[in-house]
Amino acid sequence: MTPSANPTNKTGQRNLQCSYYGDCLDYAVDHRWQSWDCSKCSNRLMQSSSDAVRSVQDSHVCYELPARISKEILHRFS
């Protein structure tokens, strides 16, 4: 996690457009958090460029998983 990111282990609001969102997501996954929020982060109001934010029209959204999680899932079900 970058020194600028500061996720909190609690349910709350997240800033999906923050450029540190991916770092916080990785941190939460590594620590097995059920949820996190951005309320104590100084970047909670940050807006990334619109090019970096993907939008999806399909109601069946597929998310990319980190490689280590994908391998664990494939191993369990193969």
N, C-alpha and C. Protein backbone atom coordinates (compact mmCIF):
# COMPACT_ATOMS: atom_id res chain seq x y z
N MET A 1 0.86 -1.18 0.00
CA MET A 1 0.00 0.00 0.00
C MET A 1 0.90 1.23 0.00
N THR A 2 0.50 2.22 -0.75
CA THR A 2 1.26 3.46 -0.81
C THR A 2 1.10 4.23 0.50
N PRO A 3 2.11 5.04 0.86
CA PRO A 3 2.03 5.78 2.12
C PRO A 3 0.86 6.78 2.14
N SER A 4 0.35 7.17 0.98
CA SER A 4 -0.73 8.16 0.92
C SER A 4 -2.11 7.54 1.15
N ALA A 5 -2.24 6.26 0.91
CA ALA A 5 -3.54 5.60 1.08
C ALA A 5 -3.76 5.26 2.55
N ASN A 6 -5.02 5.35 2.99
CA ASN A 6 -5.31 5.11 4.40
C ASN A 6 -6.70 4.50 4.57
N PRO A 7 -6.92 3.25 4.13
CA PRO A 7 -8.23 2.63 4.30
C PRO A 7 -8.49 2.30 5.77
N THR A 8 -9.76 2.28 6.16
CA THR A 8 -10.17 1.96 7.52
C THR A 8 -11.02 0.69 7.49
N ASN A 9 -10.76 -0.22 8.39
CA ASN A 9 -11.45 -1.50 8.43
C ASN A 9 -12.84 -1.33 9.05
N LYS A 10 -13.78 -0.86 8.25
CA LYS A 10 -15.18 -0.71 8.67
C LYS A 10 -16.04 -0.51 7.43
N THR A 11 -17.31 -0.76 7.55
CA THR A 11 -18.24 -0.54 6.45
C THR A 11 -18.49 0.96 6.32
N GLY A 12 -18.49 1.46 5.11
CA GLY A 12 -18.73 2.88 4.91
C GLY A 12 -18.61 3.28 3.45
N GLN A 13 -18.29 4.52 3.22
CA GLN A 13 -18.18 5.07 1.88
C GLN A 13 -16.77 4.85 1.32
N ARG A 14 -16.72 4.52 0.03
CA ARG A 14 -15.43 4.41 -0.67
C ARG A 14 -15.45 5.34 -1.87
N ASN A 15 -14.30 5.86 -2.20
CA ASN A 15 -14.16 6.72 -3.37
C ASN A 15 -13.63 5.87 -4.53
N LEU A 16 -14.53 5.42 -5.38
CA LEU A 16 -14.15 4.57 -6.51
C LEU A 16 -13.27 5.28 -7.52
N GLN A 17 -13.28 6.60 -7.51
CA GLN A 17 -12.49 7.34 -8.49
C GLN A 17 -11.13 7.78 -7.97
N CYS A 18 -10.79 7.39 -6.76
CA CYS A 18 -9.48 7.71 -6.19
C CYS A 18 -8.41 6.90 -6.91
N SER A 19 -7.29 7.51 -7.21
CA SER A 19 -6.23 6.77 -7.90
C SER A 19 -5.56 5.74 -6.99
N TYR A 20 -5.82 5.77 -5.69
CA TYR A 20 -5.28 4.79 -4.76
C TYR A 20 -6.28 3.65 -4.47
N TYR A 21 -7.43 3.67 -5.10
CA TYR A 21 -8.47 2.67 -4.82
C TYR A 21 -7.94 1.24 -4.96
N GLY A 22 -7.21 0.97 -6.01
CA GLY A 22 -6.66 -0.37 -6.22
C GLY A 22 -5.70 -0.79 -5.12
N ASP A 23 -4.88 0.15 -4.64
CA ASP A 23 -3.96 -0.14 -3.54
C ASP A 23 -4.74 -0.49 -2.27
N CYS A 24 -5.80 0.26 -1.99
CA CYS A 24 -6.62 0.00 -0.81
C CYS A 24 -7.34 -1.34 -0.93
N LEU A 25 -7.83 -1.64 -2.12
CA LEU A 25 -8.48 -2.92 -2.35
C LEU A 25 -7.51 -4.07 -2.10
N ASP A 26 -6.30 -3.97 -2.63
CA ASP A 26 -5.29 -5.00 -2.40
C ASP A 26 -4.98 -5.15 -0.91
N TYR A 27 -4.87 -4.02 -0.21
CA TYR A 27 -4.58 -4.03 1.22
C TYR A 27 -5.71 -4.73 1.98
N ALA A 28 -6.95 -4.39 1.65
CA ALA A 28 -8.11 -5.00 2.31
C ALA A 28 -8.16 -6.51 2.06
N VAL A 29 -7.87 -6.92 0.84
CA VAL A 29 -7.85 -8.35 0.51
C VAL A 29 -6.74 -9.06 1.29
N ASP A 30 -5.54 -8.47 1.29
CA ASP A 30 -4.41 -9.08 2.00
C ASP A 30 -4.70 -9.26 3.49
N HIS A 31 -5.48 -8.34 4.06
CA HIS A 31 -5.79 -8.40 5.49
C HIS A 31 -7.15 -9.06 5.78
N ARG A 32 -7.77 -9.58 4.71
CA ARG A 32 -9.04 -10.31 4.81
C ARG A 32 -10.16 -9.48 5.46
N TRP A 33 -10.18 -8.19 5.11
CA TRP A 33 -11.24 -7.32 5.61
C TRP A 33 -12.53 -7.62 4.85
N GLN A 34 -13.65 -7.59 5.53
CA GLN A 34 -14.96 -7.75 4.89
C GLN A 34 -15.31 -6.48 4.10
N SER A 35 -14.86 -5.34 4.59
CA SER A 35 -15.16 -4.06 3.96
C SER A 35 -14.13 -3.04 4.41
N TRP A 36 -14.15 -1.88 3.79
CA TRP A 36 -13.32 -0.78 4.25
C TRP A 36 -13.98 0.52 3.84
N ASP A 37 -13.47 1.62 4.41
CA ASP A 37 -14.02 2.91 4.04
C ASP A 37 -12.90 3.94 3.97
N CYS A 38 -13.20 5.06 3.36
CA CYS A 38 -12.20 6.09 3.08
C CYS A 38 -12.31 7.31 4.00
N SER A 39 -13.12 7.24 5.05
CA SER A 39 -13.43 8.43 5.86
C SER A 39 -12.22 9.06 6.52
N LYS A 40 -11.18 8.29 6.84
CA LYS A 40 -10.01 8.85 7.51
C LYS A 40 -8.86 9.13 6.55
N CYS A 41 -9.08 8.94 5.27
CA CYS A 41 -8.03 9.12 4.28
C CYS A 41 -8.03 10.56 3.75
N SER A 42 -6.86 11.14 3.63
CA SER A 42 -6.76 12.51 3.11
C SER A 42 -7.09 12.56 1.62
N ASN A 43 -7.14 11.41 0.95
CA ASN A 43 -7.46 11.35 -0.48
C ASN A 43 -8.92 11.03 -0.76
N ARG A 44 -9.78 11.06 0.26
CA ARG A 44 -11.16 10.61 0.10
C ARG A 44 -11.95 11.41 -0.93
N LEU A 45 -11.51 12.61 -1.26
CA LEU A 45 -12.22 13.43 -2.25
C LEU A 45 -11.52 13.45 -3.60
N MET A 46 -10.42 12.72 -3.73
CA MET A 46 -9.64 12.72 -4.96
C MET A 46 -10.47 12.18 -6.12
N GLN A 47 -10.31 12.76 -7.28
CA GLN A 47 -10.98 12.31 -8.49
C GLN A 47 -9.91 11.97 -9.53
N SER A 48 -9.91 10.76 -10.03
CA SER A 48 -8.98 10.38 -11.09
C SER A 48 -9.57 10.84 -12.42
N SER A 49 -8.75 10.79 -13.46
CA SER A 49 -9.25 11.18 -14.77
C SER A 49 -10.33 10.21 -15.22
N SER A 50 -11.26 10.67 -16.01
CA SER A 50 -12.37 9.81 -16.45
C SER A 50 -11.89 8.65 -17.31
N ASP A 51 -10.69 8.78 -17.92
CA ASP A 51 -10.14 7.68 -18.71
C ASP A 51 -9.81 6.47 -17.86
N ALA A 52 -9.48 6.69 -16.59
CA ALA A 52 -9.06 5.61 -15.72
C ALA A 52 -10.24 4.84 -15.13
N VAL A 53 -11.43 5.41 -15.20
CA VAL A 53 -12.61 4.78 -14.62
C VAL A 53 -13.37 4.05 -15.71
N ARG A 54 -13.53 2.74 -15.52
CA ARG A 54 -14.26 1.96 -16.52
C ARG A 54 -15.74 2.01 -16.22
N SER A 55 -16.53 2.15 -17.24
CA SER A 55 -17.97 2.06 -17.07
C SER A 55 -18.46 0.85 -17.85
N VAL A 56 -19.49 0.22 -17.35
CA VAL A 56 -20.00 -1.00 -17.95
C VAL A 56 -21.51 -0.87 -18.14
N GLN A 57 -21.99 -1.21 -19.32
CA GLN A 57 -23.42 -1.16 -19.60
C GLN A 57 -24.12 -2.46 -19.24
N ASP A 58 -23.37 -3.54 -19.18
CA ASP A 58 -23.92 -4.87 -18.91
C ASP A 58 -24.26 -5.02 -17.43
N SER A 59 -25.39 -5.63 -17.12
CA SER A 59 -25.77 -5.83 -15.73
C SER A 59 -25.02 -7.00 -15.09
N HIS A 60 -24.37 -7.82 -15.90
CA HIS A 60 -23.57 -8.94 -15.39
C HIS A 60 -22.10 -8.57 -15.49
N VAL A 61 -21.65 -7.82 -14.53
CA VAL A 61 -20.29 -7.30 -14.54
C VAL A 61 -19.32 -8.38 -14.10
N CYS A 62 -18.19 -8.48 -14.79
CA CYS A 62 -17.12 -9.39 -14.41
C CYS A 62 -15.95 -8.56 -13.91
N TYR A 63 -15.40 -8.94 -12.78
CA TYR A 63 -14.28 -8.23 -12.20
C TYR A 63 -13.02 -9.06 -12.36
N GLU A 64 -11.90 -8.37 -12.55
CA GLU A 64 -10.63 -9.06 -12.63
C GLU A 64 -10.16 -9.34 -11.21
N LEU A 65 -9.68 -10.56 -10.98
CA LEU A 65 -9.15 -10.93 -9.68
C LEU A 65 -7.63 -10.89 -9.72
N PRO A 66 -6.99 -10.56 -8.60
CA PRO A 66 -5.53 -10.66 -8.55
C PRO A 66 -5.12 -12.09 -8.90
N ALA A 67 -3.98 -12.25 -9.53
CA ALA A 67 -3.54 -13.55 -10.03
C ALA A 67 -3.49 -14.61 -8.94
N ARG A 68 -3.04 -14.24 -7.74
CA ARG A 68 -2.92 -15.25 -6.69
C ARG A 68 -4.28 -15.79 -6.25
N ILE A 69 -5.31 -14.95 -6.28
CA ILE A 69 -6.66 -15.40 -5.93
C ILE A 69 -7.21 -16.27 -7.04
N SER A 70 -6.99 -15.86 -8.28
CA SER A 70 -7.47 -16.64 -9.42
C SER A 70 -6.88 -18.04 -9.40
N LYS A 71 -5.59 -18.15 -9.10
CA LYS A 71 -4.94 -19.46 -9.06
C LYS A 71 -5.53 -20.33 -7.96
N GLU A 72 -5.80 -19.74 -6.78
CA GLU A 72 -6.39 -20.50 -5.68
C GLU A 72 -7.76 -21.03 -6.06
N ILE A 73 -8.57 -20.21 -6.70
CA ILE A 73 -9.91 -20.62 -7.11
C ILE A 73 -9.85 -21.71 -8.16
N LEU A 74 -9.00 -21.53 -9.16
CA LEU A 74 -8.85 -22.55 -10.20
C LEU A 74 -8.38 -23.88 -9.61
N HIS A 75 -7.46 -23.81 -8.66
CA HIS A 75 -6.95 -25.02 -8.04
C HIS A 75 -8.05 -25.76 -7.26
N ARG A 76 -8.90 -25.02 -6.57
CA ARG A 76 -9.97 -25.63 -5.77
C ARG A 76 -11.03 -26.32 -6.62
N PHE A 77 -11.30 -25.78 -7.80
CA PHE A 77 -12.39 -26.29 -8.62
C PHE A 77 -11.93 -27.12 -9.81
N SER A 78 -10.66 -27.44 -9.85
CA SER A 78 -10.21 -28.27 -10.98
C SER A 78 -9.85 -29.66 -10.54
